[in-house]
């Protein structure tokens, strides 16, 4: 199980995050769930999630969330590297 799925399952153990692909579009997650998920992802991965990024493209499935976290992590690492130069 991935770290993202562990986080998601800890918040909503009733959802099969490995197969669900309409977390936002299907109203599987409510706004409180999303806020909690964002906070957990930020803490776990050391990233900052922009409010404009909280949409179905990035949060409709565990795979989409994992891809988003990977992009944010890479962007953050590049920014930190540029700051050190």
Protein backbone atom coordinates (compact mmCIF):
# COMPACT_ATOMS: atom_id res chain seq x y z
CA UNK A 1 0.00 0.00 0.00
CA UNK A 2 1.32 3.44 -0.85
CA UNK A 3 1.74 6.20 1.71
CA UNK A 4 -1.02 8.21 -0.03
CA UNK A 5 -3.47 5.30 0.18
CA UNK A 6 -2.52 4.80 3.83
CA UNK A 7 -3.36 8.46 4.51
CA UNK A 8 -6.63 8.28 2.57
CA UNK A 9 -7.69 5.03 4.23
CA UNK A 10 -6.93 6.49 7.65
CA UNK A 11 -9.36 9.31 6.94
CA UNK A 12 -12.06 7.31 5.14
CA UNK A 13 -11.63 3.58 5.83
CA UNK A 14 -15.00 2.88 4.19
CA UNK A 15 -13.73 3.82 0.70
CA UNK A 16 -11.77 1.51 -1.61
CA UNK A 17 -9.17 4.03 -2.73
CA UNK A 18 -7.40 1.49 -4.93
CA UNK A 19 -10.37 1.29 -7.28
CA UNK A 20 -12.39 4.50 -6.75
CA UNK A 21 -11.84 7.02 -9.55
CA UNK A 22 -14.53 9.62 -8.78
CA UNK A 23 -13.62 10.84 -5.32
CA UNK A 24 -14.52 14.45 -6.14
CA UNK A 25 -16.86 14.09 -9.12
CA UNK A 26 -18.83 11.32 -7.39
CA UNK A 27 -19.06 13.22 -4.08
CA UNK A 28 -17.32 10.35 -2.30
CA UNK A 29 -15.28 12.92 -0.34
CA UNK A 30 -16.92 15.86 1.35
CA UNK A 31 -15.22 19.20 1.96
CA UNK A 32 -14.08 18.22 5.46
CA UNK A 33 -12.48 15.06 4.05
CA UNK A 34 -10.62 17.11 1.45
CA UNK A 35 -9.35 19.63 4.00
CA UNK A 36 -8.15 16.78 6.22
CA UNK A 37 -6.47 15.01 3.29
CA UNK A 38 -4.71 18.20 2.20
CA UNK A 39 -3.37 18.78 5.73
CA UNK A 40 -2.19 15.18 6.03
CA UNK A 41 -0.48 15.24 2.62
CA UNK A 42 1.26 18.53 3.40
CA UNK A 43 2.57 17.14 6.69
CA UNK A 44 3.56 13.74 5.34
CA UNK A 45 5.33 14.96 2.20
CA UNK A 46 6.52 18.42 3.23
CA UNK A 47 4.64 20.10 0.39
CA UNK A 48 2.30 23.06 0.15
CA UNK A 49 -0.93 22.41 -1.73
CA UNK A 50 -2.34 25.45 -3.50
CA UNK A 51 -6.07 26.02 -3.14
CA UNK A 52 -6.35 26.28 -6.94
CA UNK A 53 -4.92 22.75 -7.26
CA UNK A 54 -7.69 21.14 -5.22
CA UNK A 55 -9.82 19.91 -8.10
CA UNK A 56 -10.92 16.70 -9.78
CA UNK A 57 -7.84 16.62 -12.02
CA UNK A 58 -5.61 16.25 -8.96
CA UNK A 59 -7.90 14.65 -6.38
CA UNK A 60 -10.37 12.35 -8.19
CA UNK A 61 -8.43 9.15 -7.43
CA UNK A 62 -5.54 7.90 -5.33
CA UNK A 63 -3.46 7.66 -8.52
CA UNK A 64 -4.19 11.31 -9.37
CA UNK A 65 -3.28 12.35 -5.82
CA UNK A 66 -0.04 10.34 -5.95
CA UNK A 67 0.89 11.97 -9.28
CA UNK A 68 0.10 15.42 -7.88
CA UNK A 69 2.20 14.79 -4.76
CA UNK A 70 5.09 13.57 -6.94
CA UNK A 71 4.90 16.73 -9.07
CA UNK A 72 4.76 18.99 -6.02
CA UNK A 73 7.62 17.12 -4.36
CA UNK A 74 9.77 17.44 -7.48
CA UNK A 75 8.91 21.12 -7.84
CA UNK A 76 9.73 21.74 -4.19
CA UNK A 77 13.06 19.94 -4.49
CA UNK A 78 13.96 21.97 -7.59
CA UNK A 79 13.04 25.23 -5.84
CA UNK A 80 15.12 24.30 -2.78
CA UNK A 81 18.06 23.44 -5.00
CA UNK A 82 17.77 26.74 -6.86
CA UNK A 83 17.63 28.63 -3.54
CA UNK A 84 20.89 27.03 -2.43
CA UNK A 85 22.76 28.13 -5.55
